[in-house]
């Protein structure tokens, strides 16, 4: 039973950073760049009741997942910029579950899909301009009491992009949508 719950929570497995190489970085950048199109594909053609379906029992609805990804990736983009412009800044964590209950998460998903288009275009412009040494820059995450290098941050958002698209595509597969 636990493995079933885990596979619903983590359809691509839990995040695990690996040693940063040029190939790892390139693949991660491709995942982040592809997120807006992959998210649009994942939700394409879903009906009103389908977007209100949780991806698992006790989980967020498809609509909430899309809005969450926009929230998270806005934070991720700003964390990148802070780490590139300050010396190991301490970032501000946020309560993603509380964010998922606010009124804006009842808006059409298209609002957050458009946000993802713009955020990712800007995010990729910054990533693609970075020198290799820039990926060693870091920020402090007080919630985890850890320092995140920008290499780890990139890998995390590569995983995060695939993770949440995986929630939606796995739900569609299970439901036959």
C-alpha atoms as a PDB file:
ATOM      1  CA  UNK A   1       0.000   0.000   0.000  1.00  0.00           C
ATOM      2  CA  UNK A   2       2.791   2.440   0.876  1.00  0.00           C
ATOM      3  CA  UNK A   3       4.421   1.939  -2.520  1.00  0.00           C
ATOM      4  CA  UNK A   4       1.087   2.756  -4.214  1.00  0.00           C
ATOM      5  CA  UNK A   5       0.750   5.959  -2.189  1.00  0.00           C
ATOM      6  CA  UNK A   6       4.380   6.824  -2.866  1.00  0.00           C
ATOM      7  CA  UNK A   7       3.961   6.285  -6.608  1.00  0.00           C
ATOM      8  CA  UNK A   8       0.938   8.610  -6.593  1.00  0.00           C
ATOM      9  CA  UNK A   9       2.818  11.254  -4.597  1.00  0.00           C
ATOM     10  CA  UNK A  10       6.070  10.855  -6.525  1.00  0.00           C
ATOM     11  CA  UNK A  11       5.230   9.615 -10.031  1.00  0.00           C
ATOM     12  CA  UNK A  12       8.845  10.092 -11.185  1.00  0.00           C
ATOM     13  CA  UNK A  13      10.429   9.307  -7.807  1.00  0.00           C
ATOM     14  CA  UNK A  14      11.667  11.660  -5.115  1.00  0.00           C
ATOM     15  CA  UNK A  15      14.197  14.374  -5.883  1.00  0.00           C
ATOM     16  CA  UNK A  16      17.845  13.389  -5.633  1.00  0.00           C
ATOM     17  CA  UNK A  17      20.607  15.719  -6.786  1.00  0.00           C
ATOM     18  CA  UNK A  18      23.503  14.197  -8.697  1.00  0.00           C
ATOM     19  CA  UNK A  19      26.997  15.444  -9.449  1.00  0.00           C
ATOM     20  CA  UNK A  20      26.703  18.367 -11.824  1.00  0.00           C
ATOM     21  CA  UNK A  21      28.205  17.719 -15.231  1.00  0.00           C
ATOM     22  CA  UNK A  22      27.689  19.520 -18.528  1.00  0.00           C
ATOM     23  CA  UNK A  23      25.306  16.750 -19.631  1.00  0.00           C
ATOM     24  CA  UNK A  24      23.318  16.837 -16.376  1.00  0.00           C
ATOM     25  CA  UNK A  25      23.051  20.615 -16.589  1.00  0.00           C
ATOM     26  CA  UNK A  26      22.024  20.513 -20.269  1.00  0.00           C
ATOM     27  CA  UNK A  27      19.279  17.943 -19.589  1.00  0.00           C
ATOM     28  CA  UNK A  28      18.015  19.922 -16.588  1.00  0.00           C
ATOM     29  CA  UNK A  29      17.899  23.134 -18.630  1.00  0.00           C
ATOM     30  CA  UNK A  30      15.919  21.313 -21.317  1.00  0.00           C
ATOM     31  CA  UNK A  31      13.408  20.093 -18.708  1.00  0.00           C
ATOM     32  CA  UNK A  32      12.907  23.589 -17.297  1.00  0.00           C
ATOM     33  CA  UNK A  33      12.607  25.128 -20.774  1.00  0.00           C
ATOM     34  CA  UNK A  34      10.054  22.503 -21.829  1.00  0.00           C
ATOM     35  CA  UNK A  35       7.793  22.854 -18.789  1.00  0.00           C
ATOM     36  CA  UNK A  36       5.298  25.383 -20.222  1.00  0.00           C
ATOM     37  CA  UNK A  37       4.598  23.289 -23.332  1.00  0.00           C
ATOM     38  CA  UNK A  38       4.540  20.028 -21.361  1.00  0.00           C
ATOM     39  CA  UNK A  39       2.087  21.487 -18.836  1.00  0.00           C
ATOM     40  CA  UNK A  40      -0.190  22.750 -21.625  1.00  0.00           C
ATOM     41  CA  UNK A  41      -0.100  19.304 -23.232  1.00  0.00           C
ATOM     42  CA  UNK A  42      -0.854  17.636 -19.895  1.00  0.00           C
ATOM     43  CA  UNK A  43      -4.031  19.671 -19.313  1.00  0.00           C
ATOM     44  CA  UNK A  44      -5.159  19.953 -22.937  1.00  0.00           C
ATOM     45  CA  UNK A  45      -8.766  18.958 -23.486  1.00  0.00           C
ATOM     46  CA  UNK A  46      -9.648  18.385 -19.830  1.00  0.00           C
ATOM     47  CA  UNK A  47     -13.236  19.212 -18.867  1.00  0.00           C
ATOM     48  CA  UNK A  48     -14.332  21.326 -15.890  1.00  0.00           C
ATOM     49  CA  UNK A  49     -14.948  18.340 -13.622  1.00  0.00           C
ATOM     50  CA  UNK A  50     -11.650  16.767 -14.689  1.00  0.00           C
ATOM     51  CA  UNK A  51      -9.589  19.828 -13.693  1.00  0.00           C
ATOM     52  CA  UNK A  52     -11.302  19.736 -10.286  1.00  0.00           C
ATOM     53  CA  UNK A  53     -10.145  16.142  -9.732  1.00  0.00           C
ATOM     54  CA  UNK A  54      -7.324  15.612  -7.218  1.00  0.00           C
ATOM     55  CA  UNK A  55      -4.338  13.757  -8.665  1.00  0.00           C
ATOM     56  CA  UNK A  56      -4.502  11.496  -5.590  1.00  0.00           C
ATOM     57  CA  UNK A  57      -6.646  11.214  -2.473  1.00  0.00           C
ATOM     58  CA  UNK A  58      -5.829  14.198  -0.275  1.00  0.00           C
ATOM     59  CA  UNK A  59      -3.838  15.832  -3.085  1.00  0.00           C
ATOM     60  CA  UNK A  60      -4.391  18.986  -5.049  1.00  0.00           C
ATOM     61  CA  UNK A  61      -6.749  19.219  -7.981  1.00  0.00           C
ATOM     62  CA  UNK A  62      -5.314  19.508 -11.484  1.00  0.00           C
ATOM     63  CA  UNK A  63      -6.188  23.230 -11.375  1.00  0.00           C
ATOM     64  CA  UNK A  64      -4.328  23.675  -8.075  1.00  0.00           C
ATOM     65  CA  UNK A  65      -1.301  21.812  -9.431  1.00  0.00           C
ATOM     66  CA  UNK A  66      -1.062  24.169 -12.414  1.00  0.00           C
ATOM     67  CA  UNK A  67      -1.366  27.243 -10.199  1.00  0.00           C
ATOM     68  CA  UNK A  68       1.138  25.763  -7.722  1.00  0.00           C
ATOM     69  CA  UNK A  69       3.713  25.250 -10.457  1.00  0.00           C
ATOM     70  CA  UNK A  70       3.371  28.910 -11.450  1.00  0.00           C
ATOM     71  CA  UNK A  71       3.782  29.983  -7.790  1.00  0.00           C
ATOM     72  CA  UNK A  72       6.774  27.718  -7.277  1.00  0.00           C
ATOM     73  CA  UNK A  73       8.507  28.677 -10.500  1.00  0.00           C
ATOM     74  CA  UNK A  74       8.048  32.398  -9.776  1.00  0.00           C
ATOM     75  CA  UNK A  75       9.827  31.771  -6.475  1.00  0.00           C
ATOM     76  CA  UNK A  76      12.471  29.659  -8.211  1.00  0.00           C
ATOM     77  CA  UNK A  77      13.189  32.378 -10.766  1.00  0.00           C
ATOM     78  CA  UNK A  78      13.565  35.021  -8.045  1.00  0.00           C
ATOM     79  CA  UNK A  79      15.823  32.737  -5.990  1.00  0.00           C
ATOM     80  CA  UNK A  80      18.092  32.334  -9.003  1.00  0.00           C
ATOM     81  CA  UNK A  81      18.273  36.087  -9.475  1.00  0.00           C
ATOM     82  CA  UNK A  82      18.966  36.677  -5.775  1.00  0.00           C
ATOM     83  CA  UNK A  83      21.787  34.121  -5.773  1.00  0.00           C
ATOM     84  CA  UNK A  84      23.329  35.763  -8.844  1.00  0.00           C
ATOM     85  CA  UNK A  85      23.172  39.275  -7.410  1.00  0.00           C
ATOM     86  CA  UNK A  86      23.871  38.750  -3.699  1.00  0.00           C
ATOM     87  CA  UNK A  87      26.340  36.745  -1.651  1.00  0.00           C
ATOM     88  CA  UNK A  88      24.516  33.652  -0.362  1.00  0.00           C
ATOM     89  CA  UNK A  89      21.194  35.371   0.358  1.00  0.00           C
ATOM     90  CA  UNK A  90      18.683  33.777   2.700  1.00  0.00           C
ATOM     91  CA  UNK A  91      15.501  33.238   0.741  1.00  0.00           C
ATOM     92  CA  UNK A  92      11.964  33.433   2.058  1.00  0.00           C
ATOM     93  CA  UNK A  93      10.126  30.113   2.155  1.00  0.00           C
ATOM     94  CA  UNK A  94       6.366  30.022   1.634  1.00  0.00           C
ATOM     95  CA  UNK A  95       3.535  27.705   2.652  1.00  0.00           C
ATOM     96  CA  UNK A  96       2.624  26.063  -0.673  1.00  0.00           C
ATOM     97  CA  UNK A  97      -0.439  24.334   0.821  1.00  0.00           C
ATOM     98  CA  UNK A  98      -1.800  27.658   2.083  1.00  0.00           C
ATOM     99  CA  UNK A  99      -1.045  29.265  -1.292  1.00  0.00           C
ATOM    100  CA  UNK A 100      -3.050  26.448  -2.968  1.00  0.00           C
ATOM    101  CA  UNK A 101      -6.196  27.509  -1.082  1.00  0.00           C
ATOM    102  CA  UNK A 102      -6.159  31.206  -2.029  1.00  0.00           C
ATOM    103  CA  UNK A 103      -8.744  32.687  -4.404  1.00  0.00           C
ATOM    104  CA  UNK A 104      -6.353  32.951  -7.351  1.00  0.00           C
ATOM    105  CA  UNK A 105      -6.197  29.153  -7.562  1.00  0.00           C
ATOM    106  CA  UNK A 106      -9.836  29.165  -8.643  1.00  0.00           C
ATOM    107  CA  UNK A 107      -8.989  31.213 -11.739  1.00  0.00           C
ATOM    108  CA  UNK A 108      -8.797  29.476 -15.102  1.00  0.00           C
ATOM    109  CA  UNK A 109      -5.575  27.501 -15.534  1.00  0.00           C
ATOM    110  CA  UNK A 110      -4.757  29.611 -18.593  1.00  0.00           C
ATOM    111  CA  UNK A 111      -3.787  32.467 -16.259  1.00  0.00           C
ATOM    112  CA  UNK A 112      -0.972  30.386 -14.762  1.00  0.00           C
ATOM    113  CA  UNK A 113      -0.101  28.781 -18.102  1.00  0.00           C
ATOM    114  CA  UNK A 114       0.554  32.287 -19.492  1.00  0.00           C
ATOM    115  CA  UNK A 115       2.610  33.120 -16.387  1.00  0.00           C
ATOM    116  CA  UNK A 116       4.691  29.999 -16.950  1.00  0.00           C
ATOM    117  CA  UNK A 117       5.340  31.039 -20.560  1.00  0.00           C
ATOM    118  CA  UNK A 118       6.721  34.405 -19.446  1.00  0.00           C
ATOM    119  CA  UNK A 119       8.580  33.221 -16.359  1.00  0.00           C
ATOM    120  CA  UNK A 120      10.286  30.427 -18.259  1.00  0.00           C
ATOM    121  CA  UNK A 121      11.274  32.674 -21.142  1.00  0.00           C
ATOM    122  CA  UNK A 122      12.973  35.027 -18.676  1.00  0.00           C
ATOM    123  CA  UNK A 123      14.339  32.172 -16.539  1.00  0.00           C
ATOM    124  CA  UNK A 124      15.964  30.524 -19.538  1.00  0.00           C
ATOM    125  CA  UNK A 125      17.453  33.846 -20.694  1.00  0.00           C
ATOM    126  CA  UNK A 126      19.216  34.108 -17.337  1.00  0.00           C
ATOM    127  CA  UNK A 127      20.250  30.439 -17.211  1.00  0.00           C
ATOM    128  CA  UNK A 128      21.648  30.531 -20.736  1.00  0.00           C
ATOM    129  CA  UNK A 129      23.706  33.631 -19.941  1.00  0.00           C
ATOM    130  CA  UNK A 130      25.388  32.047 -16.901  1.00  0.00           C
ATOM    131  CA  UNK A 131      29.035  31.075 -16.854  1.00  0.00           C
ATOM    132  CA  UNK A 132      29.895  27.655 -15.444  1.00  0.00           C
ATOM    133  CA  UNK A 133      31.196  29.282 -12.237  1.00  0.00           C
ATOM    134  CA  UNK A 134      27.804  30.949 -11.685  1.00  0.00           C
ATOM    135  CA  UNK A 135      26.218  27.545 -11.048  1.00  0.00           C
ATOM    136  CA  UNK A 136      28.336  27.282  -7.871  1.00  0.00           C
ATOM    137  CA  UNK A 137      26.696  30.412  -6.437  1.00  0.00           C
ATOM    138  CA  UNK A 138      24.195  29.663  -3.708  1.00  0.00           C
ATOM    139  CA  UNK A 139      21.363  30.766  -1.455  1.00  0.00           C
ATOM    140  CA  UNK A 140      20.385  29.696   2.048  1.00  0.00           C
ATOM    141  CA  UNK A 141      17.020  27.994   2.520  1.00  0.00           C
ATOM    142  CA  UNK A 142      15.981  28.486   6.171  1.00  0.00           C
ATOM    143  CA  UNK A 143      13.175  25.911   6.027  1.00  0.00           C
ATOM    144  CA  UNK A 144      15.723  23.152   5.358  1.00  0.00           C
ATOM    145  CA  UNK A 145      18.650  24.909   7.067  1.00  0.00           C
ATOM    146  CA  UNK A 146      20.679  24.189   3.942  1.00  0.00           C
ATOM    147  CA  UNK A 147      22.620  25.994   1.267  1.00  0.00           C
ATOM    148  CA  UNK A 148      21.498  25.313  -2.295  1.00  0.00           C
ATOM    149  CA  UNK A 149      23.938  25.830  -5.155  1.00  0.00           C
ATOM    150  CA  UNK A 150      22.426  26.985  -8.410  1.00  0.00           C
ATOM    151  CA  UNK A 151      23.350  23.597  -9.882  1.00  0.00           C
ATOM    152  CA  UNK A 152      21.221  21.870  -7.232  1.00  0.00           C
ATOM    153  CA  UNK A 153      18.492  24.475  -7.695  1.00  0.00           C
ATOM    154  CA  UNK A 154      18.431  23.783 -11.444  1.00  0.00           C
ATOM    155  CA  UNK A 155      18.212  20.033 -10.848  1.00  0.00           C
ATOM    156  CA  UNK A 156      15.409  20.583  -8.336  1.00  0.00           C
ATOM    157  CA  UNK A 157      13.345  22.583 -10.811  1.00  0.00           C
ATOM    158  CA  UNK A 158      14.048  20.065 -13.567  1.00  0.00           C
ATOM    159  CA  UNK A 159      12.615  17.411 -11.255  1.00  0.00           C
ATOM    160  CA  UNK A 160       9.766  19.706 -10.119  1.00  0.00           C
ATOM    161  CA  UNK A 161       8.746  20.339 -13.723  1.00  0.00           C
ATOM    162  CA  UNK A 162       8.577  16.632 -14.522  1.00  0.00           C
ATOM    163  CA  UNK A 163       7.072  15.745 -11.110  1.00  0.00           C
ATOM    164  CA  UNK A 164       3.937  17.856 -11.453  1.00  0.00           C
ATOM    165  CA  UNK A 165       3.375  17.126 -15.131  1.00  0.00           C
ATOM    166  CA  UNK A 166       3.688  13.490 -14.008  1.00  0.00           C
ATOM    167  CA  UNK A 167       0.886  13.982 -11.472  1.00  0.00           C
ATOM    168  CA  UNK A 168      -1.459  15.131 -14.210  1.00  0.00           C
ATOM    169  CA  UNK A 169      -0.442  12.634 -16.885  1.00  0.00           C
ATOM    170  CA  UNK A 170      -0.577   9.719 -14.437  1.00  0.00           C
ATOM    171  CA  UNK A 171      -4.064  10.809 -13.316  1.00  0.00           C
ATOM    172  CA  UNK A 172      -5.190  11.013 -16.948  1.00  0.00           C
ATOM    173  CA  UNK A 173      -3.807   7.545 -17.604  1.00  0.00           C
ATOM    174  CA  UNK A 174      -5.484   6.046 -14.518  1.00  0.00           C
ATOM    175  CA  UNK A 175      -8.808   7.701 -15.406  1.00  0.00           C
ATOM    176  CA  UNK A 176      -8.617   6.923 -19.127  1.00  0.00           C
ATOM    177  CA  UNK A 177      -8.833  10.599 -20.112  1.00  0.00           C
END
